[in-house]
Amino acid sequence: MKRLIALVVMGLSLIAAPAAFAGAQQERMKTCNKDAKEKALKGDERKAFMKSCLSGGGAAAEDGKAKQQNKMKDCNKQAEGKKGDERKTFMSQCLKG
């Protein structure tokens, strides 16, 4: 009886998982389409953008990466002259916001 219940629970979880993934993928598709439309991409450019965006490397990811890199540069400039624990503490606080 316990095995039967376990199998039923496992089966139901396998059914629910793809539905959750499909919802997230649909949201990503909407966002990527919107971004491609705003950039007025067509043809091969649009295809390449959509491929990158749907795999998680879209405009939002690129913007976030660039933003983080710029923040790191700014914090490094401000941390000049600080060493050891003082620098580590400063960098931690600076990068948090």
PDB file of N, CA and C in Angstrom:
ATOM      1  N   MET A   1       0.819  -1.194   0.000  1.00  0.00           N
ATOM      2  CA  MET A   1       0.000   0.000   0.000  1.00  0.00           C
ATOM      3  C   MET A   1       0.866   1.262   0.000  1.00  0.00           C
ATOM      4  N   LYS A   2       1.952   1.236   0.808  1.00  0.00           N
ATOM      5  CA  LYS A   2       2.841   2.394   0.866  1.00  0.00           C
ATOM      6  C   LYS A   2       3.516   2.624  -0.484  1.00  0.00           C
ATOM      7  N   ARG A   3       3.862   1.540  -1.140  1.00  0.00           N
ATOM      8  CA  ARG A   3       4.492   1.663  -2.458  1.00  0.00           C
ATOM      9  C   ARG A   3       3.530   2.275  -3.468  1.00  0.00           C
ATOM     10  N   LEU A   4       2.294   1.877  -3.406  1.00  0.00           N
ATOM     11  CA  LEU A   4       1.279   2.411  -4.313  1.00  0.00           C
ATOM     12  C   LEU A   4       1.112   3.908  -4.097  1.00  0.00           C
ATOM     13  N   ILE A   5       1.042   4.319  -2.856  1.00  0.00           N
ATOM     14  CA  ILE A   5       0.895   5.741  -2.548  1.00  0.00           C
ATOM     15  C   ILE A   5       2.131   6.504  -3.035  1.00  0.00           C
ATOM     16  N   ALA A   6       3.308   5.947  -2.807  1.00  0.00           N
ATOM     17  CA  ALA A   6       4.543   6.592  -3.244  1.00  0.00           C
ATOM     18  C   ALA A   6       4.572   6.745  -4.769  1.00  0.00           C
ATOM     19  N   LEU A   7       4.139   5.697  -5.475  1.00  0.00           N
ATOM     20  CA  LEU A   7       4.111   5.765  -6.936  1.00  0.00           C
ATOM     21  C   LEU A   7       3.118   6.805  -7.432  1.00  0.00           C
ATOM     22  N   VAL A   8       1.979   6.901  -6.788  1.00  0.00           N
ATOM     23  CA  VAL A   8       0.968   7.889  -7.184  1.00  0.00           C
ATOM     24  C   VAL A   8       1.510   9.300  -6.961  1.00  0.00           C
ATOM     25  N   VAL A   9       2.142   9.527  -5.817  1.00  0.00           N
ATOM     26  CA  VAL A   9       2.710  10.839  -5.516  1.00  0.00           C
ATOM     27  C   VAL A   9       3.794  11.197  -6.525  1.00  0.00           C
ATOM     28  N   MET A  10       4.660  10.243  -6.847  1.00  0.00           N
ATOM     29  CA  MET A  10       5.718  10.503  -7.830  1.00  0.00           C
ATOM     30  C   MET A  10       5.123  10.815  -9.199  1.00  0.00           C
ATOM     31  N   GLY A  11       4.101  10.079  -9.568  1.00  0.00           N
ATOM     32  CA  GLY A  11       3.458  10.313 -10.857  1.00  0.00           C
ATOM     33  C   GLY A  11       2.838  11.691 -10.934  1.00  0.00           C
ATOM     34  N   LEU A  12       2.183  12.103  -9.873  1.00  0.00           N
ATOM     35  CA  LEU A  12       1.562  13.430  -9.853  1.00  0.00           C
ATOM     36  C   LEU A  12       2.609  14.538  -9.893  1.00  0.00           C
ATOM     37  N   SER A  13       3.733  14.329  -9.225  1.00  0.00           N
ATOM     38  CA  SER A  13       4.778  15.355  -9.250  1.00  0.00           C
ATOM     39  C   SER A  13       5.391  15.480 -10.639  1.00  0.00           C
ATOM     40  N   LEU A  14       5.481  14.385 -11.370  1.00  0.00           N
ATOM     41  CA  LEU A  14       6.015  14.434 -12.730  1.00  0.00           C
ATOM     42  C   LEU A  14       5.068  15.148 -13.681  1.00  0.00           C
ATOM     43  N   ILE A  15       3.791  15.059 -13.397  1.00  0.00           N
ATOM     44  CA  ILE A  15       2.793  15.737 -14.226  1.00  0.00           C
ATOM     45  C   ILE A  15       2.822  17.233 -13.968  1.00  0.00           C
ATOM     46  N   ALA A  16       2.995  17.637 -12.719  1.00  0.00           N
ATOM     47  CA  ALA A  16       2.963  19.052 -12.351  1.00  0.00           C
ATOM     48  C   ALA A  16       4.219  19.794 -12.779  1.00  0.00           C
ATOM     49  N   ALA A  17       5.364  19.151 -12.769  1.00  0.00           N
ATOM     50  CA  ALA A  17       6.626  19.824 -13.075  1.00  0.00           C
ATOM     51  C   ALA A  17       6.662  20.428 -14.481  1.00  0.00           C
ATOM     52  N   PRO A  18       6.291  19.710 -15.526  1.00  0.00           N
ATOM     53  CA  PRO A  18       6.329  20.321 -16.859  1.00  0.00           C
ATOM     54  C   PRO A  18       5.397  21.520 -16.994  1.00  0.00           C
ATOM     55  N   ALA A  19       4.274  21.508 -16.302  1.00  0.00           N
ATOM     56  CA  ALA A  19       3.353  22.637 -16.372  1.00  0.00           C
ATOM     57  C   ALA A  19       3.995  23.885 -15.779  1.00  0.00           C
ATOM     58  N   ALA A  20       4.713  23.740 -14.682  1.00  0.00           N
ATOM     59  CA  ALA A  20       5.388  24.881 -14.068  1.00  0.00           C
ATOM     60  C   ALA A  20       6.498  25.391 -14.989  1.00  0.00           C
ATOM     61  N   PHE A  21       7.236  24.487 -15.603  1.00  0.00           N
ATOM     62  CA  PHE A  21       8.290  24.880 -16.526  1.00  0.00           C
ATOM     63  C   PHE A  21       7.710  25.603 -17.733  1.00  0.00           C
ATOM     64  N   ALA A  22       6.602  25.095 -18.255  1.00  0.00           N
ATOM     65  CA  ALA A  22       5.978  25.705 -19.428  1.00  0.00           C
ATOM     66  C   ALA A  22       5.542  27.132 -19.119  1.00  0.00           C
ATOM     67  N   GLY A  23       5.024  27.379 -17.917  1.00  0.00           N
ATOM     68  CA  GLY A  23       4.609  28.730 -17.533  1.00  0.00           C
ATOM     69  C   GLY A  23       5.791  29.685 -17.510  1.00  0.00           C
ATOM     70  N   ALA A  24       6.898  29.253 -16.940  1.00  0.00           N
ATOM     71  CA  ALA A  24       8.094  30.089 -16.880  1.00  0.00           C
ATOM     72  C   ALA A  24       8.640  30.343 -18.281  1.00  0.00           C
ATOM     73  N   GLN A  25       8.632  29.321 -19.118  1.00  0.00           N
ATOM     74  CA  GLN A  25       9.132  29.456 -20.489  1.00  0.00           C
ATOM     75  C   GLN A  25       8.242  30.409 -21.290  1.00  0.00           C
ATOM     76  N   GLN A  26       6.940  30.348 -21.070  1.00  0.00           N
ATOM     77  CA  GLN A  26       6.031  31.252 -21.779  1.00  0.00           C
ATOM     78  C   GLN A  26       6.286  32.704 -21.370  1.00  0.00           C
ATOM     79  N   GLU A  27       6.537  32.925 -20.085  1.00  0.00           N
ATOM     80  CA  GLU A  27       6.839  34.277 -19.618  1.00  0.00           C
ATOM     81  C   GLU A  27       8.140  34.777 -20.241  1.00  0.00           C
ATOM     82  N   ARG A  28       9.131  33.900 -20.315  1.00  0.00           N
ATOM     83  CA  ARG A  28      10.408  34.281 -20.923  1.00  0.00           C
ATOM     84  C   ARG A  28      10.192  34.616 -22.396  1.00  0.00           C
ATOM     85  N   MET A  29       9.363  33.822 -23.086  1.00  0.00           N
ATOM     86  CA  MET A  29       9.073  34.062 -24.502  1.00  0.00           C
ATOM     87  C   MET A  29       8.417  35.435 -24.687  1.00  0.00           C
ATOM     88  N   LYS A  30       7.462  35.763 -23.813  1.00  0.00           N
ATOM     89  CA  LYS A  30       6.801  37.074 -23.905  1.00  0.00           C
ATOM     90  C   LYS A  30       7.809  38.205 -23.728  1.00  0.00           C
ATOM     91  N   THR A  31       8.662  38.070 -22.733  1.00  0.00           N
ATOM     92  CA  THR A  31       9.653  39.109 -22.453  1.00  0.00           C
ATOM     93  C   THR A  31      10.630  39.250 -23.617  1.00  0.00           C
ATOM     94  N   CYS A  32      11.101  38.138 -24.135  1.00  0.00           N
ATOM     95  CA  CYS A  32      12.055  38.178 -25.245  1.00  0.00           C
ATOM     96  C   CYS A  32      11.418  38.778 -26.495  1.00  0.00           C
ATOM     97  N   ASN A  33      10.180  38.398 -26.786  1.00  0.00           N
ATOM     98  CA  ASN A  33       9.476  38.965 -27.941  1.00  0.00           C
ATOM     99  C   ASN A  33       9.329  40.473 -27.803  1.00  0.00           C
ATOM    100  N   LYS A  34       8.972  40.914 -26.601  1.00  0.00           N
ATOM    101  CA  LYS A  34       8.807  42.347 -26.347  1.00  0.00           C
ATOM    102  C   LYS A  34      10.128  43.080 -26.568  1.00  0.00           C
ATOM    103  N   ASP A  35      11.214  42.522 -26.031  1.00  0.00           N
ATOM    104  CA  ASP A  35      12.531  43.143 -26.192  1.00  0.00           C
ATOM    105  C   ASP A  35      12.948  43.194 -27.660  1.00  0.00           C
ATOM    106  N   ALA A  36      12.694  42.114 -28.400  1.00  0.00           N
ATOM    107  CA  ALA A  36      13.057  42.076 -29.819  1.00  0.00           C
ATOM    108  C   ALA A  36      12.247  43.100 -30.612  1.00  0.00           C
ATOM    109  N   LYS A  37      10.985  43.264 -30.249  1.00  0.00           N
ATOM    110  CA  LYS A  37      10.131  44.232 -30.932  1.00  0.00           C
ATOM    111  C   LYS A  37      10.606  45.655 -30.649  1.00  0.00           C
ATOM    112  N   GLU A  38      10.962  45.930 -29.373  1.00  0.00           N
ATOM    113  CA  GLU A  38      11.450  47.258 -29.009  1.00  0.00           C
ATOM    114  C   GLU A  38      12.733  47.604 -29.753  1.00  0.00           C
ATOM    115  N   LYS A  39      13.559  46.607 -30.007  1.00  0.00           N
ATOM    116  CA  LYS A  39      14.818  46.823 -30.713  1.00  0.00           C
ATOM    117  C   LYS A  39      14.640  46.781 -32.226  1.00  0.00           C
ATOM    118  N   ALA A  40      13.421  46.503 -32.682  1.00  0.00           N
ATOM    119  CA  ALA A  40      13.090  46.428 -34.110  1.00  0.00           C
ATOM    120  C   ALA A  40      13.990  45.435 -34.850  1.00  0.00           C
ATOM    121  N   LEU A  41      14.215  44.283 -34.234  1.00  0.00           N
ATOM    122  CA  LEU A  41      15.052  43.258 -34.845  1.00  0.00           C
ATOM    123  C   LEU A  41      14.259  42.450 -35.858  1.00  0.00           C
ATOM    124  N   LYS A  42      14.923  42.078 -36.948  1.00  0.00           N
ATOM    125  CA  LYS A  42      14.280  41.275 -37.987  1.00  0.00           C
ATOM    126  C   LYS A  42      15.264  40.259 -38.529  1.00  0.00           C
ATOM    127  N   GLY A  43      14.730  39.213 -39.105  1.00  0.00           N
ATOM    128  CA  GLY A  43      15.553  38.215 -39.787  1.00  0.00           C
ATOM    129  C   GLY A  43      16.524  37.493 -38.866  1.00  0.00           C
ATOM    130  N   ASP A  44      17.755  37.363 -39.356  1.00  0.00           N
ATOM    131  CA  ASP A  44      18.778  36.631 -38.616  1.00  0.00           C
ATOM    132  C   ASP A  44      19.128  37.289 -37.287  1.00  0.00           C
ATOM    133  N   GLU A  45      19.091  38.635 -37.246  1.00  0.00           N
ATOM    134  CA  GLU A  45      19.387  39.334 -35.994  1.00  0.00           C
ATOM    135  C   GLU A  45      18.362  38.955 -34.922  1.00  0.00           C
ATOM    136  N   ARG A  46      17.091  38.942 -35.314  1.00  0.00           N
ATOM    137  CA  ARG A  46      16.027  38.580 -34.374  1.00  0.00           C
ATOM    138  C   ARG A  46      16.176  37.128 -33.925  1.00  0.00           C
ATOM    139  N   LYS A  47      16.475  36.257 -34.868  1.00  0.00           N
ATOM    140  CA  LYS A  47      16.635  34.843 -34.558  1.00  0.00           C
ATOM    141  C   LYS A  47      17.761  34.626 -33.544  1.00  0.00           C
ATOM    142  N   ALA A  48      18.895  35.292 -33.771  1.00  0.00           N
ATOM    143  CA  ALA A  48      20.036  35.170 -32.856  1.00  0.00           C
ATOM    144  C   ALA A  48      19.700  35.750 -31.485  1.00  0.00           C
ATOM    145  N   PHE A  49      19.019  36.896 -31.481  1.00  0.00           N
ATOM    146  CA  PHE A  49      18.628  37.509 -30.213  1.00  0.00           C
ATOM    147  C   PHE A  49      17.684  36.598 -29.436  1.00  0.00           C
ATOM    148  N   MET A  50      16.682  36.056 -30.117  1.00  0.00           N
ATOM    149  CA  MET A  50      15.698  35.196 -29.451  1.00  0.00           C
ATOM    150  C   MET A  50      16.369  33.938 -28.888  1.00  0.00           C
ATOM    151  N   LYS A  51      17.291  33.369 -29.646  1.00  0.00           N
ATOM    152  CA  LYS A  51      17.997  32.183 -29.173  1.00  0.00           C
ATOM    153  C   LYS A  51      18.756  32.494 -27.888  1.00  0.00           C
ATOM    154  N   SER A  52      19.471  33.597 -27.899  1.00  0.00           N
ATOM    155  CA  SER A  52      20.235  34.001 -26.726  1.00  0.00           C
ATOM    156  C   SER A  52      19.311  34.338 -25.558  1.00  0.00           C
ATOM    157  N   CYS A  53      18.271  35.079 -25.828  1.00  0.00           N
ATOM    158  CA  CYS A  53      17.337  35.506 -24.782  1.00  0.00           C
ATOM    159  C   CYS A  53      16.628  34.316 -24.146  1.00  0.00           C
ATOM    160  N   LEU A  54      16.151  33.399 -24.953  1.00  0.00           N
ATOM    161  CA  LEU A  54      15.417  32.248 -24.420  1.00  0.00           C
ATOM    162  C   LEU A  54      16.310  31.292 -23.652  1.00  0.00           C
ATOM    163  N   SER A  55      17.605  31.324 -23.930  1.00  0.00           N
ATOM    164  CA  SER A  55      18.513  30.465 -23.182  1.00  0.00           C
ATOM    165  C   SER A  55      18.981  31.143 -21.895  1.00  0.00           C
ATOM    166  N   GLY A  56      18.483  32.344 -21.649  1.00  0.00           N
ATOM    167  CA  GLY A  56      18.803  33.031 -20.404  1.00  0.00           C
ATOM    168  C   GLY A  56      19.850  34.097 -20.548  1.00  0.00           C
ATOM    169  N   GLY A  57      20.324  34.349 -21.730  1.00  0.00           N
ATOM    170  CA  GLY A  57      21.360  35.355 -21.933  1.00  0.00           C
ATOM    171  C   GLY A  57      20.839  36.593 -22.622  1.00  0.00           C
ATOM    172  N   GLY A  58      19.591  36.924 -22.405  1.00  0.00           N
ATOM    173  CA  GLY A  58      18.969  38.043 -23.096  1.00  0.00           C
ATOM    174  C   GLY A  58      19.418  39.401 -22.617  1.00  0.00           C
ATOM    175  N   ALA A  59      18.698  40.419 -23.029  1.00  0.00           N
ATOM    176  CA  ALA A  59      19.047  41.799 -22.716  1.00  0.00           C
ATOM    177  C   ALA A  59      19.064  42.041 -21.218  1.00  0.00           C
ATOM    178  N   ALA A  60      18.125  41.477 -20.510  1.00  0.00           N
ATOM    179  CA  ALA A  60      18.070  41.678 -19.063  1.00  0.00           C
ATOM    180  C   ALA A  60      19.317  41.112 -18.397  1.00  0.00           C
ATOM    181  N   ALA A  61      19.752  39.954 -18.828  1.00  0.00           N
ATOM    182  CA  ALA A  61      20.957  39.350 -18.254  1.00  0.00           C
ATOM    183  C   ALA A  61      22.182  40.182 -18.593  1.00  0.00           C
ATOM    184  N   GLU A  62      22.262  40.671 -19.829  1.00  0.00           N
ATOM    185  CA  GLU A  62      23.397  41.496 -20.231  1.00  0.00           C
ATOM    186  C   GLU A  62      23.409  42.806 -19.464  1.00  0.00           C
ATOM    187  N   ASP A  63      22.247  43.432 -19.300  1.00  0.00           N
ATOM    188  CA  ASP A  63      22.159  44.684 -18.560  1.00  0.00           C
ATOM    189  C   ASP A  63      22.577  44.474 -17.112  1.00  0.00           C
ATOM    190  N   GLY A  64      22.123  43.386 -16.514  1.00  0.00           N
ATOM    191  CA  GLY A  64      22.477  43.082 -15.132  1.00  0.00           C
ATOM    192  C   GLY A  64      23.964  42.849 -14.968  1.00  0.00           C
ATOM    193  N   LYS A  65      24.555  42.157 -15.922  1.00  0.00           N
ATOM    194  CA  LYS A  65      25.992  41.877 -15.877  1.00  0.00           C
ATOM    195  C   LYS A  65      26.783  43.173 -16.012  1.00  0.00           C
ATOM    196  N   ALA A  66      26.410  44.015 -16.949  1.00  0.00           N
ATOM    197  CA  ALA A  66      27.104  45.285 -17.145  1.00  0.00           C
ATOM    198  C   ALA A  66      26.952  46.174 -15.920  1.00  0.00           C
ATOM    199  N   LYS A  67      25.766  46.186 -15.352  1.00  0.00           N
ATOM    200  CA  LYS A  67      25.507  46.996 -14.168  1.00  0.00           C
ATOM    201  C   LYS A  67      26.394  46.530 -13.011  1.00  0.00           C
ATOM    202  N   GLN A  68      26.496  45.232 -12.804  1.00  0.00           N
ATOM    203  CA  GLN A  68      27.320  44.677 -11.732  1.00  0.00           C
ATOM    204  C   GLN A  68      28.805  44.990 -11.967  1.00  0.00           C
ATOM    205  N   GLN A  69      29.248  44.888 -13.209  1.00  0.00           N
ATOM    206  CA  GLN A  69      30.645  45.196 -13.520  1.00  0.00           C
ATOM    207  C   GLN A  69      30.957  46.666 -13.252  1.00  0.00           C
ATOM    208  N   ASN A  70      30.041  47.545 -13.633  1.00  0.00           N
ATOM    209  CA  ASN A  70      30.245  48.970 -13.379  1.00  0.00           C
ATOM    210  C   ASN A  70      30.272  49.265 -11.884  1.00  0.00           C
ATOM    211  N   LYS A  71      29.402  48.603 -11.144  1.00  0.00           N
ATOM    212  CA  LYS A  71      29.366  48.787  -9.697  1.00  0.00           C
ATOM    213  C   LYS A  71      30.687  48.331  -9.083  1.00  0.00           C
ATOM    214  N   MET A  72      31.213  47.209  -9.559  1.00  0.00           N
ATOM    215  CA  MET A  72      32.481  46.688  -9.058  1.00  0.00           C
ATOM    216  C   MET A  72      33.610  47.672  -9.336  1.00  0.00           C
ATOM    217  N   LYS A  73      33.636  48.257 -10.536  1.00  0.00           N
ATOM    218  CA  LYS A  73      34.662  49.242 -10.875  1.00  0.00           C
ATOM    219  C   LYS A  73      34.583  50.451  -9.955  1.00  0.00           C
ATOM    220  N   ASP A  74      33.374  50.955  -9.751  1.00  0.00           N
ATOM    221  CA  ASP A  74      33.188  52.122  -8.888  1.00  0.00           C
ATOM    222  C   ASP A  74      33.633  51.831  -7.454  1.00  0.00           C
ATOM    223  N   CYS A  75      33.244  50.686  -6.941  1.00  0.00           N
ATOM    224  CA  CYS A  75      33.620  50.319  -5.575  1.00  0.00           C
ATOM    225  C   CYS A  75      35.123  50.150  -5.442  1.00  0.00           C
ATOM    226  N   ASN A  76      35.763  49.562  -6.470  1.00  0.00           N
ATOM    227  CA  ASN A  76      37.216  49.397  -6.444  1.00  0.00           C
ATOM    228  C   ASN A  76      37.925  50.750  -6.400  1.00  0.00           C
ATOM    229  N   LYS A  77      37.413  51.716  -7.171  1.00  0.00           N
ATOM    230  CA  LYS A  77      38.014  53.050  -7.155  1.00  0.00           C
ATOM    231  C   LYS A  77      37.897  53.673  -5.771  1.00  0.00           C
ATOM    232  N   GLN A  78      36.720  53.533  -5.165  1.00  0.00           N
ATOM    233  CA  GLN A  78      36.489  54.117  -3.849  1.00  0.00           C
ATOM    234  C   GLN A  78      37.302  53.411  -2.766  1.00  0.00           C
ATOM    235  N   ALA A  79      37.653  52.156  -2.989  1.00  0.00           N
ATOM    236  CA  ALA A  79      38.365  51.373  -1.979  1.00  0.00           C
ATOM    237  C   ALA A  79      39.882  51.546  -2.050  1.00  0.00           C
ATOM    238  N   GLU A  80      40.362  52.386  -2.951  1.00  0.00           N
ATOM    239  CA  GLU A  80      41.810  52.587  -3.057  1.00  0.00           C
ATOM    240  C   GLU A  80      42.363  53.067  -1.723  1.00  0.00           C
ATOM    241  N   GLY A  81      43.469  52.464  -1.312  1.00  0.00           N
ATOM    242  CA  GLY A  81      44.105  52.840  -0.053  1.00  0.00           C
ATOM    243  C   GLY A  81      43.661  51.988   1.127  1.00  0.00           C
ATOM    244  N   LYS A  82      42.571  51.277   0.986  1.00  0.00           N
ATOM    245  CA  LYS A  82      42.088  50.395   2.050  1.00  0.00           C
ATOM    246  C   LYS A  82      42.706  49.015   1.851  1.00  0.00           C
ATOM    247  N   LYS A  83      43.013  48.357   2.958  1.00  0.00           N
ATOM    248  CA  LYS A  83      43.638  47.033   2.869  1.00  0.00           C
ATOM    249  C   LYS A  83      43.003  46.073   3.854  1.00  0.00           C
ATOM    250  N   GLY A  84      43.145  44.802   3.567  1.00  0.00           N
ATOM    251  CA  GLY A  84      42.724  43.746   4.488  1.00  0.00           C
ATOM    252  C   GLY A  84      41.243  43.761   4.802  1.00  0.00           C
ATOM    253  N   ASP A  85      40.945  43.598   6.108  1.00  0.00           N
ATOM    254  CA  ASP A  85      39.551  43.518   6.547  1.00  0.00           C
ATOM    255  C   ASP A  85      38.781  44.799   6.266  1.00  0.00           C
ATOM    256  N   GLU A  86      39.472  45.934   6.363  1.00  0.00           N
ATOM    257  CA  GLU A  86      38.808  47.211   6.095  1.00  0.00           C
ATOM    258  C   GLU A  86      38.294  47.252   4.652  1.00  0.00           C
ATOM    259  N   ARG A  87      39.153  46.825   3.714  1.00  0.00           N
ATOM    260  CA  ARG A  87      38.757  46.808   2.298  1.00  0.00           C
ATOM    261  C   ARG A  87      37.637  45.798   2.060  1.00  0.00           C
ATOM    262  N   LYS A  88      37.768  44.621   2.668  1.00  0.00           N
ATOM    263  CA  LYS A  88      36.769  43.569   2.490  1.00  0.00           C
ATOM    264  C   LYS A  88      35.397  44.044   2.982  1.00  0.00           C
ATOM    265  N   THR A  89      35.368  44.666   4.144  1.00  0.00           N
ATOM    266  CA  THR A  89      34.115  45.174   4.704  1.00  0.00           C
ATOM    267  C   THR A  89      33.543  46.271   3.815  1.00  0.00           C
ATOM    268  N   PHE A  90      34.412  47.190   3.379  1.00  0.00           N
ATOM    269  CA  PHE A  90      33.956  48.274   2.520  1.00  0.00           C
ATOM    270  C   PHE A  90      33.367  47.739   1.215  1.00  0.00           C
ATOM    271  N   MET A  91      34.070  46.827   0.569  1.00  0.00           N
ATOM    272  CA  MET A  91      33.608  46.275  -0.701  1.00  0.00           C
ATOM    273  C   MET A  91      32.272  45.558  -0.530  1.00  0.00           C
ATOM    274  N   SER A  92      32.143  44.819   0.544  1.00  0.00           N
ATOM    275  CA  SER A  92      30.884  44.115   0.796  1.00  0.00           C
ATOM    276  C   SER A  92      29.722  45.097   0.897  1.00  0.00           C
ATOM    277  N   GLN A  93      29.912  46.156   1.681  1.00  0.00           N
ATOM    278  CA  GLN A  93      28.859  47.153   1.851  1.00  0.00           C
ATOM    279  C   GLN A  93      28.594  47.909   0.562  1.00  0.00           C
ATOM    280  N   CYS A  94      29.648  48.262  -0.153  1.00  0.00           N
ATOM    281  CA  CYS A  94      29.506  49.017  -1.395  1.00  0.00           C
ATOM    282  C   CYS A  94      28.734  48.208  -2.448  1.00  0.00           C
ATOM    283  N   LEU A  95      29.062  46.938  -2.575  1.00  0.00           N
ATOM    284  CA  LEU A  95      28.414  46.113  -3.598  1.00  0.00           C
ATOM    285  C   LEU A  95      26.967  45.786  -3.254  1.00  0.00           C
ATOM    286  N   LYS A  96      26.633  45.798  -1.974  1.00  0.00           N
ATOM    287  CA  LYS A  96      25.245  45.544  -1.563  1.00  0.00           C
ATOM    288  C   LYS A  96      24.336  46.710  -1.916  1.00  0.00           C
ATOM    289  N   GLY A  97      24.883  47.877  -1.985  1.00  0.00           N
ATOM    290  CA  GLY A  97      24.003  48.955  -2.390  1.00  0.00           C
ATOM    291  C   GLY A  97      24.287  50.225  -1.755  1.00  0.00           C
TER     292      GLY A  97
END
